[in-house]
Amino acid sequence: MNKNDLVAQVAEAAGLSKNDATKAVDAVFEGIAGAMKNGDEVRLVGFGTFAIAERAASEGRNPRTGEKISIPASKQPKFKPGKNLKDALN
């Protein structure tokens, strides 16, 4: 499923036009991204939790040359599925 499929499904389920459904889906994505950008977790009860994981700086190697390279610290988005989502899949 891609974004267009999701928009079509939301439009059908909520009785919205595709244009309104697109705005709704975009607003949800922007809300989640904005909250995470501010360092907040987004908990959707029954669905899951979007959080930020901090990756420490580390040292790696270039696979072609074997040269050491430093990998800077970074923040990674993480998703932990909720119980209802897990149960729906099993």
PDB file of N, CA and C in Angstrom:
ATOM      1  N   MET A   1       0.849  -1.173   0.000  1.00  0.00           N
ATOM      2  CA  MET A   1       0.000   0.000   0.000  1.00  0.00           C
ATOM      3  C   MET A   1       0.892   1.232   0.000  1.00  0.00           C
ATOM      4  N   ASN A   2       0.588   2.169  -0.888  1.00  0.00           N
ATOM      5  CA  ASN A   2       1.317   3.433  -0.896  1.00  0.00           C
ATOM      6  C   ASN A   2       0.394   4.542  -0.406  1.00  0.00           C
ATOM      7  N   LYS A   3       0.880   5.769  -0.429  1.00  0.00           N
ATOM      8  CA  LYS A   3       0.105   6.891   0.108  1.00  0.00           C
ATOM      9  C   LYS A   3      -1.208   7.072  -0.649  1.00  0.00           C
ATOM     10  N   ASN A   4      -1.198   6.944  -1.969  1.00  0.00           N
ATOM     11  CA  ASN A   4      -2.430   7.107  -2.745  1.00  0.00           C
ATOM     12  C   ASN A   4      -3.463   6.050  -2.371  1.00  0.00           C
ATOM     13  N   ASP A   5      -3.018   4.812  -2.134  1.00  0.00           N
ATOM     14  CA  ASP A   5      -3.928   3.753  -1.703  1.00  0.00           C
ATOM     15  C   ASP A   5      -4.517   4.074  -0.329  1.00  0.00           C
ATOM     16  N   LEU A   6      -3.676   4.587   0.562  1.00  0.00           N
ATOM     17  CA  LEU A   6      -4.136   4.959   1.896  1.00  0.00           C
ATOM     18  C   LEU A   6      -5.163   6.081   1.821  1.00  0.00           C
ATOM     19  N   VAL A   7      -4.892   7.096   1.003  1.00  0.00           N
ATOM     20  CA  VAL A   7      -5.825   8.206   0.831  1.00  0.00           C
ATOM     21  C   VAL A   7      -7.159   7.697   0.303  1.00  0.00           C
ATOM     22  N   ALA A   8      -7.128   6.807  -0.681  1.00  0.00           N
ATOM     23  CA  ALA A   8      -8.360   6.260  -1.240  1.00  0.00           C
ATOM     24  C   ALA A   8      -9.137   5.486  -0.184  1.00  0.00           C
ATOM     25  N   GLN A   9      -8.449   4.717   0.648  1.00  0.00           N
ATOM     26  CA  GLN A   9      -9.111   3.943   1.687  1.00  0.00           C
ATOM     27  C   GLN A   9      -9.721   4.859   2.740  1.00  0.00           C
ATOM     28  N   VAL A  10      -9.002   5.910   3.143  1.00  0.00           N
ATOM     29  CA  VAL A  10      -9.522   6.873   4.121  1.00  0.00           C
ATOM     30  C   VAL A  10     -10.733   7.591   3.547  1.00  0.00           C
ATOM     31  N   ALA A  11     -10.657   7.992   2.299  1.00  0.00           N
ATOM     32  CA  ALA A  11     -11.782   8.693   1.661  1.00  0.00           C
ATOM     33  C   ALA A  11     -13.027   7.815   1.661  1.00  0.00           C
ATOM     34  N   GLU A  12     -12.860   6.553   1.330  1.00  0.00           N
ATOM     35  CA  GLU A  12     -14.003   5.637   1.281  1.00  0.00           C
ATOM     36  C   GLU A  12     -14.561   5.364   2.679  1.00  0.00           C
ATOM     37  N   ALA A  13     -13.680   5.096   3.638  1.00  0.00           N
ATOM     38  CA  ALA A  13     -14.118   4.756   4.992  1.00  0.00           C
ATOM     39  C   ALA A  13     -14.787   5.932   5.702  1.00  0.00           C
ATOM     40  N   ALA A  14     -14.296   7.153   5.461  1.00  0.00           N
ATOM     41  CA  ALA A  14     -14.819   8.325   6.159  1.00  0.00           C
ATOM     42  C   ALA A  14     -15.842   9.092   5.339  1.00  0.00           C
ATOM     43  N   GLY A  15     -16.076   8.678   4.104  1.00  0.00           N
ATOM     44  CA  GLY A  15     -17.033   9.388   3.266  1.00  0.00           C
ATOM     45  C   GLY A  15     -16.551  10.775   2.874  1.00  0.00           C
ATOM     46  N   LEU A  16     -15.246  10.897   2.656  1.00  0.00           N
ATOM     47  CA  LEU A  16     -14.639  12.183   2.280  1.00  0.00           C
ATOM     48  C   LEU A  16     -14.274  12.169   0.803  1.00  0.00           C
ATOM     49  N   SER A  17     -14.074  13.369   0.268  1.00  0.00           N
ATOM     50  CA  SER A  17     -13.520  13.441  -1.079  1.00  0.00           C
ATOM     51  C   SER A  17     -12.044  13.072  -0.990  1.00  0.00           C
ATOM     52  N   LYS A  18     -11.459  12.689  -2.116  1.00  0.00           N
ATOM     53  CA  LYS A  18     -10.029  12.334  -2.098  1.00  0.00           C
ATOM     54  C   LYS A  18      -9.178  13.527  -1.704  1.00  0.00           C
ATOM     55  N   ASN A  19      -9.601  14.732  -2.082  1.00  0.00           N
ATOM     56  CA  ASN A  19      -8.852  15.933  -1.734  1.00  0.00           C
ATOM     57  C   ASN A  19      -8.854  16.135  -0.216  1.00  0.00           C
ATOM     58  N   ASP A  20     -10.028  15.977   0.421  1.00  0.00           N
ATOM     59  CA  ASP A  20     -10.110  16.125   1.875  1.00  0.00           C
ATOM     60  C   ASP A  20      -9.350  15.009   2.585  1.00  0.00           C
ATOM     61  N   ALA A  21      -9.426  13.794   2.055  1.00  0.00           N
ATOM     62  CA  ALA A  21      -8.697  12.673   2.650  1.00  0.00           C
ATOM     63  C   ALA A  21      -7.191  12.893   2.544  1.00  0.00           C
ATOM     64  N   THR A  22      -6.739  13.445   1.428  1.00  0.00           N
ATOM     65  CA  THR A  22      -5.310  13.746   1.265  1.00  0.00           C
ATOM     66  C   THR A  22      -4.859  14.751   2.314  1.00  0.00           C
ATOM     67  N   LYS A  23      -5.669  15.780   2.532  1.00  0.00           N
ATOM     68  CA  LYS A  23      -5.340  16.780   3.559  1.00  0.00           C
ATOM     69  C   LYS A  23      -5.288  16.143   4.941  1.00  0.00           C
ATOM     70  N   ALA A  24      -6.217  15.239   5.228  1.00  0.00           N
ATOM     71  CA  ALA A  24      -6.258  14.580   6.532  1.00  0.00           C
ATOM     72  C   ALA A  24      -5.034  13.694   6.736  1.00  0.00           C
ATOM     73  N   VAL A  25      -4.703  12.897   5.744  1.00  0.00           N
ATOM     74  CA  VAL A  25      -3.536  12.004   5.849  1.00  0.00           C
ATOM     75  C   VAL A  25      -2.259  12.830   5.994  1.00  0.00           C
ATOM     76  N   ASP A  26      -2.117  13.887   5.201  1.00  0.00           N
ATOM     77  CA  ASP A  26      -0.942  14.751   5.304  1.00  0.00           C
ATOM     78  C   ASP A  26      -0.850  15.395   6.675  1.00  0.00           C
ATOM     79  N   ALA A  27      -1.996  15.814   7.230  1.00  0.00           N
ATOM     80  CA  ALA A  27      -2.009  16.443   8.553  1.00  0.00           C
ATOM     81  C   ALA A  27      -1.558  15.461   9.630  1.00  0.00           C
ATOM     82  N   VAL A  28      -1.979  14.206   9.518  1.00  0.00           N
ATOM     83  CA  VAL A  28      -1.553  13.193  10.488  1.00  0.00           C
ATOM     84  C   VAL A  28      -0.038  12.993  10.399  1.00  0.00           C
ATOM     85  N   PHE A  29       0.474  12.832   9.183  1.00  0.00           N
ATOM     86  CA  PHE A  29       1.916  12.630   9.018  1.00  0.00           C
ATOM     87  C   PHE A  29       2.710  13.830   9.531  1.00  0.00           C
ATOM     88  N   GLU A  30       2.247  15.035   9.228  1.00  0.00           N
ATOM     89  CA  GLU A  30       2.933  16.244   9.689  1.00  0.00           C
ATOM     90  C   GLU A  30       2.890  16.363  11.209  1.00  0.00           C
ATOM     91  N   GLY A  31       1.760  15.981  11.803  1.00  0.00           N
ATOM     92  CA  GLY A  31       1.640  16.015  13.258  1.00  0.00           C
ATOM     93  C   GLY A  31       2.607  15.060  13.936  1.00  0.00           C
ATOM     94  N   ILE A  32       2.698  13.846  13.409  1.00  0.00           N
ATOM     95  CA  ILE A  32       3.625  12.857  13.971  1.00  0.00           C
ATOM     96  C   ILE A  32       5.067  13.335  13.806  1.00  0.00           C
ATOM     97  N   ALA A  33       5.409  13.788  12.603  1.00  0.00           N
ATOM     98  CA  ALA A  33       6.780  14.248  12.343  1.00  0.00           C
ATOM     99  C   ALA A  33       7.116  15.466  13.197  1.00  0.00           C
ATOM    100  N   GLY A  34       6.190  16.389  13.340  1.00  0.00           N
ATOM    101  CA  GLY A  34       6.426  17.592  14.143  1.00  0.00           C
ATOM    102  C   GLY A  34       6.651  17.265  15.606  1.00  0.00           C
ATOM    103  N   ALA A  35       5.844  16.363  16.148  1.00  0.00           N
ATOM    104  CA  ALA A  35       6.008  15.970  17.548  1.00  0.00           C
ATOM    105  C   ALA A  35       7.350  15.292  17.761  1.00  0.00           C
ATOM    106  N   MET A  36       7.726  14.408  16.838  1.00  0.00           N
ATOM    107  CA  MET A  36       9.009  13.718  16.977  1.00  0.00           C
ATOM    108  C   MET A  36      10.174  14.688  16.823  1.00  0.00           C
ATOM    109  N   LYS A  37      10.005  15.672  15.949  1.00  0.00           N
ATOM    110  CA  LYS A  37      11.064  16.676  15.755  1.00  0.00           C
ATOM    111  C   LYS A  37      11.304  17.459  17.047  1.00  0.00           C
ATOM    112  N   ASN A  38      10.222  17.641  17.832  1.00  0.00           N
ATOM    113  CA  ASN A  38      10.329  18.345  19.110  1.00  0.00           C
ATOM    114  C   ASN A  38      10.794  17.431  20.242  1.00  0.00           C
ATOM    115  N   GLY A  39      11.073  16.162  19.923  1.00  0.00           N
ATOM    116  CA  GLY A  39      11.571  15.228  20.918  1.00  0.00           C
ATOM    117  C   GLY A  39      10.481  14.470  21.659  1.00  0.00           C
ATOM    118  N   ASP A  40       9.232  14.577  21.222  1.00  0.00           N
ATOM    119  CA  ASP A  40       8.121  13.897  21.884  1.00  0.00           C
ATOM    120  C   ASP A  40       7.860  12.529  21.275  1.00  0.00           C
ATOM    121  N   GLU A  41       7.293  11.642  22.091  1.00  0.00           N
ATOM    122  CA  GLU A  41       6.795  10.361  21.607  1.00  0.00           C
ATOM    123  C   GLU A  41       5.366  10.567  21.127  1.00  0.00           C
ATOM    124  N   VAL A  42       4.939   9.798  20.148  1.00  0.00           N
ATOM    125  CA  VAL A  42       3.550   9.825  19.696  1.00  0.00           C
ATOM    126  C   VAL A  42       2.972   8.445  19.981  1.00  0.00           C
ATOM    127  N   ARG A  43       2.016   8.391  20.937  1.00  0.00           N
ATOM    128  CA  ARG A  43       1.396   7.121  21.326  1.00  0.00           C
ATOM    129  C   ARG A  43      -0.015   7.067  20.772  1.00  0.00           C
ATOM    130  N   LEU A  44      -0.263   6.099  19.940  1.00  0.00           N
ATOM    131  CA  LEU A  44      -1.593   5.858  19.404  1.00  0.00           C
ATOM    132  C   LEU A  44      -2.058   4.544  20.012  1.00  0.00           C
ATOM    133  N   VAL A  45      -2.883   4.645  21.048  1.00  0.00           N
ATOM    134  CA  VAL A  45      -3.295   3.476  21.822  1.00  0.00           C
ATOM    135  C   VAL A  45      -3.910   2.432  20.896  1.00  0.00           C
ATOM    136  N   GLY A  46      -3.426   1.218  21.012  1.00  0.00           N
ATOM    137  CA  GLY A  46      -3.905   0.115  20.199  1.00  0.00           C
ATOM    138  C   GLY A  46      -3.160  -0.029  18.886  1.00  0.00           C
ATOM    139  N   PHE A  47      -2.554   1.043  18.403  1.00  0.00           N
ATOM    140  CA  PHE A  47      -1.829   0.982  17.135  1.00  0.00           C
ATOM    141  C   PHE A  47      -0.333   0.862  17.368  1.00  0.00           C
ATOM    142  N   GLY A  48       0.247   1.809  18.112  1.00  0.00           N
ATOM    143  CA  GLY A  48       1.672   1.751  18.384  1.00  0.00           C
ATOM    144  C   GLY A  48       2.239   3.080  18.821  1.00  0.00           C
ATOM    145  N   THR A  49       3.544   3.098  19.006  1.00  0.00           N
ATOM    146  CA  THR A  49       4.246   4.283  19.486  1.00  0.00           C
ATOM    147  C   THR A  49       5.380   4.639  18.536  1.00  0.00           C
ATOM    148  N   PHE A  50       5.402   5.907  18.146  1.00  0.00           N
ATOM    149  CA  PHE A  50       6.507   6.448  17.357  1.00  0.00           C
ATOM    150  C   PHE A  50       7.430   7.153  18.336  1.00  0.00           C
ATOM    151  N   ALA A  51       8.723   6.826  18.297  1.00  0.00           N
ATOM    152  CA  ALA A  51       9.689   7.412  19.224  1.00  0.00           C
ATOM    153  C   ALA A  51      10.998   7.687  18.501  1.00  0.00           C
ATOM    154  N   ILE A  52      11.892   8.346  19.219  1.00  0.00           N
ATOM    155  CA  ILE A  52      13.208   8.673  18.674  1.00  0.00           C
ATOM    156  C   ILE A  52      14.262   7.892  19.450  1.00  0.00           C
ATOM    157  N   ALA A  53      15.153   7.241  18.733  1.00  0.00           N
ATOM    158  CA  ALA A  53      16.276   6.536  19.350  1.00  0.00           C
ATOM    159  C   ALA A  53      17.556   7.288  18.995  1.00  0.00           C
ATOM    160  N   GLU A  54      18.377   7.495  19.986  1.00  0.00           N
ATOM    161  CA  GLU A  54      19.647   8.190  19.777  1.00  0.00           C
ATOM    162  C   GLU A  54      20.726   7.164  19.455  1.00  0.00           C
ATOM    163  N   ARG A  55      21.430   7.391  18.382  1.00  0.00           N
ATOM    164  CA  ARG A  55      22.561   6.528  18.015  1.00  0.00           C
ATOM    165  C   ARG A  55      23.853   7.237  18.374  1.00  0.00           C
ATOM    166  N   ALA A  56      24.679   6.567  19.105  1.00  0.00           N
ATOM    167  CA  ALA A  56      25.961   7.144  19.499  1.00  0.00           C
ATOM    168  C   ALA A  56      26.913   7.187  18.308  1.00  0.00           C
ATOM    169  N   ALA A  57      27.861   8.100  18.373  1.00  0.00           N
ATOM    170  CA  ALA A  57      28.893   8.164  17.335  1.00  0.00           C
ATOM    171  C   ALA A  57      29.722   6.878  17.391  1.00  0.00           C
ATOM    172  N   SER A  58      30.169   6.435  16.252  1.00  0.00           N
ATOM    173  CA  SER A  58      30.966   5.211  16.213  1.00  0.00           C
ATOM    174  C   SER A  58      31.999   5.308  15.100  1.00  0.00           C
ATOM    175  N   GLU A  59      32.813   4.277  15.041  1.00  0.00           N
ATOM    176  CA  GLU A  59      33.843   4.240  14.011  1.00  0.00           C
ATOM    177  C   GLU A  59      33.572   3.038  13.106  1.00  0.00           C
ATOM    178  N   GLY A  60      33.629   3.258  11.806  1.00  0.00           N
ATOM    179  CA  GLY A  60      33.409   2.179  10.858  1.00  0.00           C
ATOM    180  C   GLY A  60      34.563   2.085   9.880  1.00  0.00           C
ATOM    181  N   ARG A  61      34.405   1.230   8.898  1.00  0.00           N
ATOM    182  CA  ARG A  61      35.446   1.068   7.880  1.00  0.00           C
ATOM    183  C   ARG A  61      34.818   1.155   6.501  1.00  0.00           C
ATOM    184  N   ASN A  62      35.534   1.793   5.603  1.00  0.00           N
ATOM    185  CA  ASN A  62      35.123   1.835   4.208  1.00  0.00           C
ATOM    186  C   ASN A  62      35.361   0.434   3.647  1.00  0.00           C
ATOM    187  N   PRO A  63      34.298  -0.223   3.128  1.00  0.00           N
ATOM    188  CA  PRO A  63      34.481  -1.598   2.666  1.00  0.00           C
ATOM    189  C   PRO A  63      35.438  -1.740   1.477  1.00  0.00           C
ATOM    190  N   ARG A  64      35.579  -0.714   0.683  1.00  0.00           N
ATOM    191  CA  ARG A  64      36.485  -0.804  -0.487  1.00  0.00           C
ATOM    192  C   ARG A  64      37.945  -0.671  -0.107  1.00  0.00           C
ATOM    193  N   THR A  65      38.224   0.307   0.762  1.00  0.00           N
ATOM    194  CA  THR A  65      39.628   0.601   1.060  1.00  0.00           C
ATOM    195  C   THR A  65      40.076   0.111   2.425  1.00  0.00           C
ATOM    196  N   GLY A  66      39.115  -0.186   3.305  1.00  0.00           N
ATOM    197  CA  GLY A  66      39.485  -0.579   4.656  1.00  0.00           C
ATOM    198  C   GLY A  66      39.825   0.612   5.533  1.00  0.00           C
ATOM    199  N   GLU A  67      39.718   1.804   4.977  1.00  0.00           N
ATOM    200  CA  GLU A  67      40.034   3.030   5.705  1.00  0.00           C
ATOM    201  C   GLU A  67      39.015   3.257   6.819  1.00  0.00           C
ATOM    202  N   LYS A  68      39.506   3.705   7.995  1.00  0.00           N
ATOM    203  CA  LYS A  68      38.613   4.000   9.110  1.00  0.00           C
ATOM    204  C   LYS A  68      37.862   5.300   8.826  1.00  0.00           C
ATOM    205  N   ILE A  69      36.569   5.293   9.148  1.00  0.00           N
ATOM    206  CA  ILE A  69      35.772   6.515   9.019  1.00  0.00           C
ATOM    207  C   ILE A  69      34.972   6.692  10.300  1.00  0.00           C
ATOM    208  N   SER A  70      34.700   7.944  10.643  1.00  0.00           N
ATOM    209  CA  SER A  70      33.903   8.191  11.837  1.00  0.00           C
ATOM    210  C   SER A  70      32.445   8.394  11.414  1.00  0.00           C
ATOM    211  N   ILE A  71      31.554   7.749  12.127  1.00  0.00           N
ATOM    212  CA  ILE A  71      30.119   7.860  11.874  1.00  0.00           C
ATOM    213  C   ILE A  71      29.558   8.753  12.975  1.00  0.00           C
ATOM    214  N   PRO A  72      28.978   9.896  12.611  1.00  0.00           N
ATOM    215  CA  PRO A  72      28.502  10.831  13.638  1.00  0.00           C
ATOM    216  C   PRO A  72      27.262  10.309  14.361  1.00  0.00           C
ATOM    217  N   ALA A  73      27.012  10.847  15.547  1.00  0.00           N
ATOM    218  CA  ALA A  73      25.804  10.511  16.298  1.00  0.00           C
ATOM    219  C   ALA A  73      24.593  10.985  15.501  1.00  0.00           C
ATOM    220  N   SER A  74      23.475  10.276  15.649  1.00  0.00           N
ATOM    221  CA  SER A  74      22.259  10.664  14.920  1.00  0.00           C
ATOM    222  C   SER A  74      21.028  10.220  15.683  1.00  0.00           C
ATOM    223  N   LYS A  75      19.901  10.737  15.272  1.00  0.00           N
ATOM    224  CA  LYS A  75      18.609  10.356  15.833  1.00  0.00           C
ATOM    225  C   LYS A  75      17.867   9.556  14.775  1.00  0.00           C
ATOM    226  N   GLN A  76      17.274   8.431  15.194  1.00  0.00           N
ATOM    227  CA  GLN A  76      16.562   7.544  14.275  1.00  0.00           C
ATOM    228  C   GLN A  76      15.118   7.398  14.725  1.00  0.00           C
ATOM    229  N   PRO A  77      14.176   7.467  13.790  1.00  0.00           N
ATOM    230  CA  PRO A  77      12.784   7.217  14.175  1.00  0.00           C
ATOM    231  C   PRO A  77      12.565   5.722  14.402  1.00  0.00           C
ATOM    232  N   LYS A  78      11.777   5.399  15.411  1.00  0.00           N
ATOM    233  CA  LYS A  78      11.461   4.003  15.733  1.00  0.00           C
ATOM    234  C   LYS A  78       9.952   3.869  15.884  1.00  0.00           C
ATOM    235  N   PHE A  79       9.431   2.700  15.543  1.00  0.00           N
ATOM    236  CA  PHE A  79       8.013   2.402  15.729  1.00  0.00           C
ATOM    237  C   PHE A  79       7.882   1.101  16.492  1.00  0.00           C
ATOM    238  N   LYS A  80       7.099   1.127  17.565  1.00  0.00           N
ATOM    239  CA  LYS A  80       6.834  -0.077  18.345  1.00  0.00           C
ATOM    240  C   LYS A  80       5.343  -0.364  18.234  1.00  0.00           C
ATOM    241  N   PRO A  81       4.959  -1.472  17.618  1.00  0.00           N
ATOM    242  CA  PRO A  81       3.543  -1.767  17.434  1.00  0.00           C
ATOM    243  C   PRO A  81       2.843  -2.028  18.763  1.00  0.00           C
ATOM    244  N   GLY A  82       1.556  -1.633  18.828  1.00  0.00           N
ATOM    245  CA  GLY A  82       0.746  -1.858  20.015  1.00  0.00           C
ATOM    246  C   GLY A  82       0.139  -3.257  20.008  1.00  0.00           C
ATOM    247  N   LYS A  83      -0.478  -3.610  21.123  1.00  0.00           N
ATOM    248  CA  LYS A  83      -1.031  -4.946  21.294  1.00  0.00           C
ATOM    249  C   LYS A  83      -2.121  -5.240  20.266  1.00  0.00           C
ATOM    250  N   ASN A  84      -3.025  -4.304  20.021  1.00  0.00           N
ATOM    251  CA  ASN A  84      -4.109  -4.548  19.064  1.00  0.00           C
ATOM    252  C   ASN A  84      -3.571  -4.809  17.663  1.00  0.00           C
ATOM    253  N   LEU A  85      -2.542  -4.079  17.266  1.00  0.00           N
ATOM    254  CA  LEU A  85      -1.942  -4.274  15.952  1.00  0.00           C
ATOM    255  C   LEU A  85      -1.264  -5.637  15.880  1.00  0.00           C
ATOM    256  N   LYS A  86      -0.540  -6.002  16.909  1.00  0.00           N
ATOM    257  CA  LYS A  86       0.117  -7.315  16.936  1.00  0.00           C
ATOM    258  C   LYS A  86      -0.916  -8.427  16.868  1.00  0.00           C
ATOM    259  N   ASP A  87      -1.991  -8.285  17.652  1.00  0.00           N
ATOM    260  CA  ASP A  87      -3.029  -9.321  17.673  1.00  0.00           C
ATOM    261  C   ASP A  87      -3.728  -9.425  16.325  1.00  0.00           C
ATOM    262  N   ALA A  88      -3.914  -8.315  15.640  1.00  0.00           N
ATOM    263  CA  ALA A  88      -4.584  -8.327  14.332  1.00  0.00           C
ATOM    264  C   ALA A  88      -3.748  -9.062  13.288  1.00  0.00           C
ATOM    265  N   LEU A  89      -2.442  -9.079  13.458  1.00  0.00           N
ATOM    266  CA  LEU A  89      -1.554  -9.716  12.496  1.00  0.00           C
ATOM    267  C   LEU A  89      -1.341 -11.201  12.764  1.00  0.00           C
ATOM    268  N   ASN A  90      -1.692 -11.640  13.961  1.00  0.00           N
ATOM    269  CA  ASN A  90      -1.453 -13.052  14.321  1.00  0.00           C
ATOM    270  C   ASN A  90      -2.731 -13.815  14.485  1.00  0.00           C
TER     271      ASN A  90
END
